[in-house]
Amino acid sequence: MRSITLLTDFGTADYFVGAMKGAILSVNPQAVIVDITHEIPAQDVAAGAFTLLAAYTTFPAGTIHVAVVDPGVGSSRRPILVSAGGYVFVGPDNGIFTHIYDRETTFQAFHITATEYFRHPVSTTFHGRDIFAPIAAAISAGVDHTSLGTPIPDPIKIAASTEPHILHIDRFGNLITNITRNAVKEGATLVINGKAISTLRNFFGEEVGGAEEPFAIWGSAGFLEIAVNGRSAAEILGVKRGDEVHTD
């Protein structure tokens, strides 16, 4: 049985998440559904893309990841599915799968055109329920995902600098950069918004450097993070997502 994960910006106060699950179970009553999160900031595609990146490989091969952060719902943007790394991803073609394209060595993207699998009538405001959920359910029930659309060579990617920068700020105010272990020299000093950071900790509470001084730490997503134990590094350093990080 292939699991289906859900990642959205819908929150849990409304009926949206429950309706998506209902649409899945109507097609495949045995589907195993797992929530990654529904608390992505509203319409923040970049935040959704990072969260998917951080979570998708923790699931077994064959998992179907449905990611819906979709400010363009009802427009001409394409509904797509992507096969990569032993997983299938289903969602809007708006950059939500950017990091999947970058992380996996090969991928196939398809414009979903098999309307017979959609829930009808298709709402112009809720493709999560009427397109993405039933498509994921069909795949989980054994439908070959390559039969559900036409290959596309040009899925949308979020435009982002390849230079070191802040990729994401989590709810604790930790600054997650795009710096990987093979991209920074041991003992390097980071400079963010004019502040030099040379302390590298192994865990948040390690007593290295000043108690309220920013420090670097290798985070669980595989990127170098900047943190202040018990405080928000974003507030203390006065930075935002996308700001540059310099290395000396």
Protein backbone atom coordinates (compact mmCIF):
# COMPACT_ATOMS: atom_id res chain seq x y z
CA MET A 1 0.00 0.00 0.00
CA ARG A 2 1.47 3.36 -1.06
CA SER A 3 1.19 6.18 1.45
CA ILE A 4 -0.06 9.64 0.49
CA THR A 5 1.28 12.71 2.27
CA LEU A 6 -0.39 16.10 2.35
CA LEU A 7 1.39 19.46 2.62
CA THR A 8 -0.71 22.63 2.31
CA ASP A 9 -1.24 26.18 3.51
CA PHE A 10 -4.88 25.41 4.36
CA GLY A 11 -4.59 25.36 8.15
CA THR A 12 -6.96 23.14 10.12
CA ALA A 13 -9.77 25.53 11.08
CA ASP A 14 -11.70 25.04 7.83
CA TYR A 15 -12.97 22.01 5.95
CA PHE A 16 -10.27 21.96 3.27
CA VAL A 17 -7.95 19.27 4.65
CA GLY A 18 -10.81 16.98 5.62
CA ALA A 19 -12.34 17.37 2.16
CA MET A 20 -9.04 16.39 0.50
CA LYS A 21 -8.87 13.28 2.66
CA GLY A 22 -12.48 12.46 1.82
CA ALA A 23 -11.72 12.75 -1.89
CA ILE A 24 -8.78 10.37 -1.51
CA LEU A 25 -10.74 7.81 0.51
CA SER A 26 -13.64 7.93 -1.95
CA VAL A 27 -11.24 6.59 -4.59
CA ASN A 28 -9.13 4.34 -2.39
CA PRO A 29 -10.69 3.54 1.00
CA GLN A 30 -7.49 1.72 2.05
CA ALA A 31 -5.22 4.72 1.43
CA VAL A 32 -2.76 5.59 4.17
CA ILE A 33 -2.75 9.39 4.54
CA VAL A 34 -0.08 11.28 6.46
CA ASP A 35 -0.09 15.02 7.17
CA ILE A 36 3.30 16.69 6.76
CA THR A 37 1.86 20.09 7.67
CA HIS A 38 -1.03 22.39 6.84
CA GLU A 39 0.58 25.42 8.45
CA ILE A 40 2.64 26.73 5.54
CA PRO A 41 2.18 30.53 5.54
CA ALA A 42 -0.67 31.45 3.20
CA GLN A 43 0.39 31.39 -0.46
CA ASP A 44 4.08 31.07 0.46
CA VAL A 45 5.24 28.70 -2.26
CA ALA A 46 8.91 29.01 -1.26
CA ALA A 47 8.17 27.94 2.32
CA GLY A 48 6.20 24.98 1.04
CA ALA A 49 9.02 24.00 -1.30
CA PHE A 50 11.56 24.00 1.53
CA THR A 51 9.33 22.04 3.91
CA LEU A 52 8.74 19.39 1.27
CA LEU A 53 12.49 19.16 0.67
CA ALA A 54 13.15 18.66 4.38
CA ALA A 55 10.53 15.91 4.75
CA TYR A 56 10.09 13.87 1.59
CA THR A 57 12.99 11.43 1.91
CA THR A 58 11.91 10.33 5.40
CA PHE A 59 9.04 8.40 3.80
CA PRO A 60 9.36 4.99 2.17
CA ALA A 61 9.99 4.71 -1.55
CA GLY A 62 6.77 4.82 -3.51
CA THR A 63 5.14 7.45 -1.32
CA ILE A 64 2.96 9.96 -3.15
CA HIS A 65 3.54 13.51 -1.92
CA VAL A 66 0.69 15.96 -2.52
CA ALA A 67 1.82 19.57 -2.07
CA VAL A 68 -0.75 22.33 -2.49
CA VAL A 69 0.30 25.93 -1.94
CA ASP A 70 -1.52 27.36 -4.89
CA PRO A 71 -2.10 31.10 -5.30
CA GLY A 72 -2.73 30.48 -9.02
CA VAL A 73 -5.60 28.03 -8.54
CA GLY A 74 -8.16 28.33 -11.33
CA SER A 75 -5.74 30.09 -13.68
CA SER A 76 -3.82 28.68 -16.63
CA ARG A 77 -1.08 27.21 -14.41
CA ARG A 78 -0.70 23.49 -15.04
CA PRO A 79 -1.56 20.69 -12.61
CA ILE A 80 1.46 18.40 -12.66
CA LEU A 81 2.93 15.23 -11.27
CA VAL A 82 6.64 14.56 -10.92
CA SER A 83 8.43 11.24 -10.62
CA ALA A 84 11.80 11.54 -8.87
CA GLY A 85 13.93 9.61 -6.40
CA GLY A 86 11.44 6.76 -6.13
CA TYR A 87 8.59 9.11 -5.19
CA VAL A 88 5.68 10.74 -7.00
CA PHE A 89 4.81 14.38 -6.34
CA VAL A 90 1.43 15.88 -7.22
CA GLY A 91 0.55 19.58 -7.17
CA PRO A 92 0.49 22.87 -9.06
CA ASP A 93 3.22 23.85 -11.51
CA ASN A 94 4.29 26.96 -9.63
CA GLY A 95 7.71 26.06 -8.24
CA ILE A 96 6.54 24.01 -5.25
CA PHE A 97 8.79 21.16 -6.47
CA THR A 98 11.85 23.32 -7.20
CA HIS A 99 14.10 21.66 -4.64
CA ILE A 100 13.08 18.21 -5.85
CA TYR A 101 14.31 19.11 -9.32
CA ASP A 102 17.57 20.39 -7.85
CA ARG A 103 18.13 17.54 -5.38
CA GLU A 104 17.34 14.53 -7.56
CA THR A 105 19.68 13.68 -10.42
CA THR A 106 16.84 12.77 -12.76
CA PHE A 107 13.13 13.47 -12.76
CA GLN A 108 10.13 13.27 -15.07
CA ALA A 109 7.38 15.89 -15.01
CA PHE A 110 3.91 15.42 -16.50
CA HIS A 111 1.09 17.85 -17.19
CA ILE A 112 -1.94 16.07 -15.70
CA THR A 113 -4.58 15.76 -18.42
CA ALA A 114 -6.51 12.61 -17.43
CA THR A 115 -9.67 14.45 -16.45
CA GLU A 116 -11.60 11.22 -16.01
CA TYR A 117 -9.83 10.80 -12.67
CA PHE A 118 -10.81 14.27 -11.43
CA ARG A 119 -13.64 14.85 -8.99
CA HIS A 120 -16.47 16.51 -10.94
CA PRO A 121 -17.51 19.22 -11.17
CA VAL A 122 -14.03 20.68 -10.74
CA SER A 123 -14.10 23.79 -8.58
CA THR A 124 -12.01 26.72 -9.82
CA THR A 125 -10.97 27.43 -6.22
CA PHE A 126 -10.22 23.97 -4.81
CA HIS A 127 -7.99 21.88 -7.05
CA GLY A 128 -6.54 20.24 -3.94
CA ARG A 129 -9.82 18.37 -3.48
CA ASP A 130 -10.94 17.98 -7.08
CA ILE A 131 -7.68 17.30 -8.99
CA PHE A 132 -4.65 16.62 -6.81
CA ALA A 133 -6.27 14.42 -4.15
CA PRO A 134 -8.10 12.07 -6.56
CA ILE A 135 -5.06 11.83 -8.84
CA ALA A 136 -2.91 10.81 -5.87
CA ALA A 137 -5.57 8.32 -4.82
CA ALA A 138 -5.69 6.79 -8.30
CA ILE A 139 -1.93 6.30 -8.27
CA SER A 140 -2.11 4.75 -4.80
CA ALA A 141 -4.73 2.34 -6.11
CA GLY A 142 -2.44 1.16 -8.89
CA VAL A 143 -2.96 3.52 -11.84
CA ASP A 144 0.30 4.07 -13.74
CA HIS A 145 1.25 7.69 -13.14
CA THR A 146 2.80 7.98 -16.61
CA SER A 147 -0.67 7.44 -18.11
CA LEU A 148 -2.14 10.47 -16.36
CA GLY A 149 -0.62 13.21 -18.49
CA THR A 150 1.87 14.34 -21.07
CA PRO A 151 5.59 14.82 -20.37
CA ILE A 152 6.77 18.41 -20.01
CA PRO A 153 10.40 19.58 -20.25
CA ASP A 154 9.92 22.92 -18.53
CA PRO A 155 8.30 22.72 -15.08
CA ILE A 156 8.31 26.04 -13.24
CA LYS A 157 11.15 26.66 -10.79
CA ILE A 158 11.40 29.34 -8.13
CA ALA A 159 14.04 31.87 -9.13
CA ALA A 160 16.69 31.93 -6.42
CA SER A 161 20.29 32.95 -6.11
CA THR A 162 22.88 30.19 -6.22
CA GLU A 163 25.03 32.25 -3.87
CA PRO A 164 24.89 31.56 -0.10
CA HIS A 165 21.66 32.97 1.28
CA ILE A 166 18.94 32.36 3.83
CA LEU A 167 16.71 29.67 2.38
CA HIS A 168 14.15 29.47 5.18
CA ILE A 169 13.36 30.85 8.64
CA ASP A 170 11.68 28.34 10.92
CA ARG A 171 9.14 29.05 13.68
CA PHE A 172 11.94 29.37 16.24
CA GLY A 173 13.67 32.09 14.23
CA ASN A 174 16.55 29.84 13.17
CA LEU A 175 18.08 30.87 9.84
CA ILE A 176 18.42 27.92 7.48
CA THR A 177 20.91 28.71 4.74
CA ASN A 178 21.44 26.92 1.44
CA ILE A 179 25.01 26.04 2.48
CA THR A 180 25.82 22.32 2.45
CA ARG A 181 28.76 20.57 4.09
CA ASN A 182 30.75 20.31 0.88
CA ALA A 183 30.30 24.01 0.13
CA VAL A 184 31.98 25.58 3.16
CA LYS A 185 35.49 25.28 4.54
CA GLU A 186 36.05 24.05 8.08
CA GLY A 187 36.52 27.00 10.40
CA ALA A 188 34.94 29.50 8.02
CA THR A 189 33.38 32.68 9.41
CA LEU A 190 29.88 33.60 8.29
CA VAL A 191 28.82 37.21 7.92
CA ILE A 192 25.10 38.01 7.99
CA ASN A 193 23.88 41.61 7.92
CA GLY A 194 27.31 42.76 9.04
CA LYS A 195 27.51 40.32 11.96
CA ALA A 196 30.42 37.85 11.97
CA ILE A 197 29.63 34.35 13.23
CA SER A 198 32.54 32.00 13.85
CA THR A 199 31.19 29.62 16.52
CA LEU A 200 29.99 26.20 15.36
CA ARG A 201 27.95 24.18 17.85
CA ASN A 202 27.08 20.49 17.81
CA PHE A 203 23.72 21.05 19.52
CA PHE A 204 21.69 24.10 20.53
CA GLY A 205 22.46 24.05 24.24
CA GLU A 206 26.19 23.42 23.90
CA GLU A 207 28.16 25.90 26.02
CA VAL A 208 30.41 27.28 23.31
CA GLY A 209 30.60 31.03 22.77
CA GLY A 210 28.40 33.59 24.48
CA ALA A 211 25.01 32.53 25.82
CA GLU A 212 23.08 34.91 23.54
CA GLU A 213 25.54 35.07 20.66
CA PRO A 214 24.50 33.74 17.26
CA PHE A 215 26.20 30.49 16.27
CA ALA A 216 26.24 28.10 13.33
CA ILE A 217 24.92 24.55 13.55
CA TRP A 218 24.32 21.76 11.05
CA GLY A 219 20.57 21.30 10.91
CA SER A 220 18.49 18.20 10.36
CA ALA A 221 17.69 19.17 6.76
CA GLY A 222 21.38 19.01 5.88
CA PHE A 223 22.00 22.75 5.67
CA LEU A 224 24.03 25.11 7.82
CA GLU A 225 21.80 27.08 10.18
CA ILE A 226 22.32 30.21 12.24
CA ALA A 227 20.70 30.17 15.66
CA VAL A 228 20.61 31.84 19.06
CA ASN A 229 19.74 29.39 21.82
CA GLY A 230 16.30 30.23 23.23
CA ARG A 231 15.97 33.31 21.03
CA SER A 232 15.08 34.22 17.45
CA ALA A 233 18.21 34.67 15.35
CA ALA A 234 16.05 36.34 12.69
CA GLU A 235 14.98 39.07 15.12
CA ILE A 236 18.38 39.54 16.70
CA LEU A 237 20.17 39.79 13.35
CA GLY A 238 17.35 41.68 11.61
CA VAL A 239 17.31 39.49 8.52
CA LYS A 240 14.72 37.90 6.24
CA ARG A 241 14.51 34.99 3.84
CA GLY A 242 16.64 35.56 0.76
CA ASP A 243 19.25 37.75 2.48
CA GLU A 244 22.83 36.94 1.51
CA VAL A 245 25.29 35.07 3.69
CA HIS A 246 28.97 35.77 3.16
CA THR A 247 31.74 33.32 4.05
CA ASP A 248 35.31 34.26 4.95
